[in-house]
Amino acid sequence: MQQLASILSKNLPEAAVDYCTQLCVDYPFDFVLRKQRVTKLGDYRYDPIGNSHTITVNDNLNQYQFLVTYVHEVAHRAVHQHRSVQKPHGIIWKQKFQSLMLPLLRPDIFPDDVLRILARHMKNPKASVGGDPKLAKVLSTYDANSADELRLYDVDLGAEFLFRKRAFRKVEVKRTRAVCLDIQNGKRYFIPLMVAVQRLS
């Protein structure tokens, strides 16, 4: 627990560290920091062979995004016994996520702009932050380089942008991803709305 608390203290608001450390006592799991992943901010995995639970969170997230992601994954861990009969982000998960987040919805943990939108989000939490563009946007303003970054959800439909050194046109939005046309090969790809892109002039 001491090692986890040390990791969390570097990545979370100070007032949330003890609570989030206790969650690992209540719902035991291994915790791993991962390098940035484009398609997800964190995940939960169960190994039936070793009967072990692992939660990972990307190490590049700002403290508020890290906190929401961490508790999101702990909620998956907490409802693991229901996974065979429930959707991954079904009603049982939603209720557990809500109950675990409730003690954290405080002004000494989240800034006011995040708190207002997050409280609304928690009334019916989405499968990912990317599924709630308003929440994703307000959380991204606390990224270290937020002033220099453009997110795909801010790109207008029909506009062109660069992603991984390739040019795309944003064609359609489907929940947490955008349908994007690769300008060079004419193929369409699903790209997460939360990724950072560059605008093409």
Protein backbone atom coordinates (compact mmCIF):
# COMPACT_ATOMS: atom_id res chain seq x y z
CA MET A 1 0.00 0.00 0.00
CA GLN A 2 2.87 2.37 0.71
CA GLN A 3 4.14 2.06 -2.86
CA LEU A 4 0.66 2.70 -4.26
CA ALA A 5 0.19 5.72 -2.00
CA SER A 6 3.52 7.08 -3.23
CA ILE A 7 2.45 6.70 -6.87
CA LEU A 8 -0.97 8.23 -6.24
CA SER A 9 0.47 11.16 -4.31
CA LYS A 10 2.37 12.17 -7.46
CA ASN A 11 -0.64 11.85 -9.74
CA LEU A 12 -3.74 12.85 -7.74
CA PRO A 13 -5.02 15.87 -5.83
CA GLU A 14 -3.62 15.56 -2.29
CA ALA A 15 -7.07 15.33 -0.68
CA ALA A 16 -7.92 12.24 -2.75
CA VAL A 17 -4.83 10.12 -2.06
CA ASP A 18 -5.92 8.41 1.18
CA TYR A 19 -9.37 7.56 -0.19
CA CYS A 20 -7.96 6.13 -3.42
CA THR A 21 -5.35 4.10 -1.52
CA GLN A 22 -8.12 2.66 0.66
CA LEU A 23 -9.99 1.54 -2.48
CA CYS A 24 -7.15 -0.90 -3.12
CA VAL A 25 -7.65 -2.30 0.38
CA ASP A 26 -11.39 -2.63 -0.14
CA TYR A 27 -11.07 -4.15 -3.63
CA PRO A 28 -7.54 -5.62 -3.86
CA PHE A 29 -5.74 -5.18 -7.18
CA ASP A 30 -2.29 -4.64 -8.66
CA PHE A 31 -1.72 -1.15 -9.98
CA VAL A 32 0.49 -0.29 -12.96
CA LEU A 33 1.33 3.03 -14.61
CA ARG A 34 1.44 2.79 -18.41
CA LYS A 35 2.96 5.04 -21.04
CA GLN A 36 0.47 7.05 -23.06
CA ARG A 37 -1.99 4.93 -25.07
CA VAL A 38 -4.00 6.59 -27.81
CA THR A 39 -7.09 4.39 -27.55
CA LYS A 40 -7.54 4.33 -23.77
CA LEU A 41 -6.68 6.17 -20.58
CA GLY A 42 -6.75 3.10 -18.35
CA ASP A 43 -8.09 -0.43 -18.07
CA TYR A 44 -9.01 -3.28 -15.72
CA ARG A 45 -8.03 -6.89 -16.32
CA TYR A 46 -8.76 -10.11 -14.48
CA ASP A 47 -6.45 -13.13 -14.77
CA PRO A 48 -8.48 -16.26 -13.98
CA ILE A 49 -5.36 -18.44 -13.82
CA GLY A 50 -3.76 -16.46 -11.03
CA ASN A 51 -7.07 -15.07 -9.77
CA SER A 52 -5.50 -11.62 -9.92
CA HIS A 53 -6.86 -8.18 -10.73
CA THR A 54 -4.84 -5.43 -12.43
CA ILE A 55 -5.68 -1.79 -13.01
CA THR A 56 -3.59 0.42 -15.27
CA VAL A 57 -3.72 4.18 -15.85
CA ASN A 58 -1.72 6.23 -18.35
CA ASP A 59 1.11 8.16 -16.73
CA ASN A 60 0.64 11.31 -18.83
CA LEU A 61 -2.79 12.32 -17.46
CA ASN A 62 -3.35 15.46 -15.43
CA GLN A 63 -4.37 14.87 -11.81
CA TYR A 64 -8.13 15.29 -12.38
CA GLN A 65 -8.23 13.05 -15.45
CA PHE A 66 -6.09 10.51 -13.59
CA LEU A 67 -8.50 10.51 -10.64
CA VAL A 68 -11.63 9.99 -12.75
CA THR A 69 -9.91 7.24 -14.75
CA TYR A 70 -8.59 5.49 -11.64
CA VAL A 71 -12.01 5.36 -9.96
CA HIS A 72 -13.65 4.33 -13.25
CA GLU A 73 -11.39 1.27 -13.35
CA VAL A 74 -11.81 0.50 -9.63
CA ALA A 75 -15.56 0.40 -10.28
CA HIS A 76 -14.92 -2.36 -12.84
CA ARG A 77 -12.88 -4.22 -10.25
CA ALA A 78 -15.61 -3.82 -7.64
CA VAL A 79 -18.33 -5.32 -9.86
CA HIS A 80 -16.14 -8.06 -11.30
CA GLN A 81 -18.35 -10.83 -9.88
CA HIS A 82 -21.24 -9.60 -12.07
CA ARG A 83 -19.28 -9.43 -15.34
CA SER A 84 -20.72 -12.69 -16.76
CA VAL A 85 -24.27 -11.35 -16.72
CA GLN A 86 -23.79 -7.60 -17.00
CA LYS A 87 -22.59 -5.26 -19.72
CA PRO A 88 -19.14 -3.81 -18.89
CA HIS A 89 -20.66 -0.34 -18.49
CA GLY A 90 -24.16 -1.45 -17.53
CA ILE A 91 -26.34 -0.38 -14.62
CA ILE A 92 -24.36 -2.20 -11.91
CA TRP A 93 -21.11 -0.59 -13.03
CA LYS A 94 -22.77 2.84 -13.30
CA GLN A 95 -24.14 2.57 -9.77
CA LYS A 96 -20.78 1.47 -8.35
CA PHE A 97 -18.90 4.21 -10.21
CA GLN A 98 -21.38 6.77 -8.88
CA SER A 99 -21.02 5.54 -5.30
CA LEU A 100 -17.22 5.50 -5.47
CA MET A 101 -17.02 8.98 -7.00
CA LEU A 102 -19.53 10.64 -4.68
CA PRO A 103 -17.09 11.18 -1.76
CA LEU A 104 -14.69 12.86 -4.20
CA LEU A 105 -17.10 15.43 -5.64
CA ARG A 106 -15.75 18.21 -3.41
CA PRO A 107 -14.24 21.63 -4.08
CA ASP A 108 -11.04 20.72 -2.23
CA ILE A 109 -10.43 17.98 -4.83
CA PHE A 110 -11.79 19.30 -8.13
CA PRO A 111 -11.75 22.91 -9.38
CA ASP A 112 -15.18 24.48 -9.81
CA ASP A 113 -15.34 24.24 -13.61
CA VAL A 114 -14.54 20.52 -13.54
CA LEU A 115 -16.75 19.83 -10.53
CA ARG A 116 -19.88 21.28 -12.14
CA ILE A 117 -19.54 19.27 -15.35
CA LEU A 118 -18.34 16.13 -13.58
CA ALA A 119 -21.32 16.18 -11.18
CA ARG A 120 -23.63 16.31 -14.22
CA HIS A 121 -21.70 13.50 -15.91
CA MET A 122 -22.02 11.26 -12.85
CA LYS A 123 -25.81 11.30 -13.02
CA ASN A 124 -25.47 8.88 -15.95
CA PRO A 125 -21.75 8.13 -16.48
CA LYS A 126 -20.55 7.20 -19.93
CA ALA A 127 -18.32 4.28 -20.87
CA SER A 128 -15.44 6.74 -21.23
CA VAL A 129 -14.68 10.40 -20.70
CA GLY A 130 -14.47 10.69 -24.48
CA GLY A 131 -18.19 9.90 -24.60
CA ASP A 132 -18.87 13.19 -22.82
CA PRO A 133 -17.21 15.94 -24.90
CA LYS A 134 -17.91 18.66 -22.32
CA LEU A 135 -16.18 16.69 -19.57
CA ALA A 136 -13.30 15.69 -21.83
CA LYS A 137 -12.81 19.31 -22.85
CA VAL A 138 -12.81 20.78 -19.34
CA LEU A 139 -10.44 18.07 -18.09
CA SER A 140 -8.06 18.68 -20.99
CA THR A 141 -7.70 22.35 -20.02
CA TYR A 142 -5.59 21.16 -17.07
CA ASP A 143 -3.09 19.32 -19.27
CA ALA A 144 0.40 20.80 -19.05
CA ASN A 145 0.40 21.64 -22.76
CA SER A 146 -3.32 22.32 -23.16
CA ALA A 147 -2.77 25.76 -24.69
CA ASP A 148 -0.88 24.20 -27.58
CA GLU A 149 -3.10 21.16 -28.18
CA LEU A 150 -6.10 20.74 -30.41
CA ARG A 151 -8.35 17.75 -29.69
CA LEU A 152 -10.27 15.90 -32.37
CA TYR A 153 -13.58 16.75 -30.67
CA ASP A 154 -12.80 20.44 -31.33
CA VAL A 155 -12.29 19.88 -35.07
CA ASP A 156 -15.33 20.80 -37.16
CA LEU A 157 -16.99 18.20 -39.38
CA GLY A 158 -15.47 18.43 -42.85
CA ALA A 159 -12.26 20.00 -41.56
CA GLU A 160 -8.88 18.42 -42.23
CA PHE A 161 -6.21 17.66 -39.63
CA LEU A 162 -2.95 15.81 -39.06
CA PHE A 163 -2.77 12.73 -36.83
CA ARG A 164 0.37 10.60 -36.62
CA LYS A 165 1.81 12.54 -39.56
CA ARG A 166 -1.14 11.58 -41.79
CA ALA A 167 -3.81 13.90 -43.16
CA PHE A 168 -7.48 13.15 -42.40
CA ARG A 169 -10.87 14.76 -42.88
CA LYS A 170 -13.40 14.51 -40.03
CA VAL A 171 -16.55 13.02 -41.56
CA GLU A 172 -18.87 11.89 -38.78
CA VAL A 173 -19.04 11.51 -34.98
CA LYS A 174 -20.09 8.22 -33.39
CA ARG A 175 -20.15 8.32 -29.59
CA THR A 176 -16.48 8.37 -28.45
CA ARG A 177 -14.88 8.28 -31.90
CA ALA A 178 -14.95 10.13 -35.18
CA VAL A 179 -15.15 8.60 -38.63
CA CYS A 180 -12.19 10.13 -40.46
CA LEU A 181 -11.19 9.90 -44.11
CA ASP A 182 -7.52 9.32 -44.83
CA ILE A 183 -6.81 11.92 -47.52
CA GLN A 184 -4.05 9.85 -49.15
CA ASN A 185 -5.58 6.36 -49.40
CA GLY A 186 -9.30 7.23 -49.28
CA LYS A 187 -10.00 4.77 -46.43
CA ARG A 188 -12.10 5.59 -43.38
CA TYR A 189 -10.89 5.09 -39.82
CA PHE A 190 -12.38 5.43 -36.34
CA ILE A 191 -10.23 7.78 -34.27
CA PRO A 192 -10.90 8.58 -30.58
CA LEU A 193 -12.30 12.08 -30.11
CA MET A 194 -9.95 12.80 -27.21
CA VAL A 195 -6.68 12.48 -29.19
CA ALA A 196 -4.49 15.50 -29.86
CA VAL A 197 -4.28 16.49 -33.53
CA GLN A 198 -2.89 19.33 -35.64
CA ARG A 199 -5.09 21.55 -37.76
CA LEU A 200 -4.35 21.70 -41.48
CA SER A 201 -4.43 25.20 -42.89
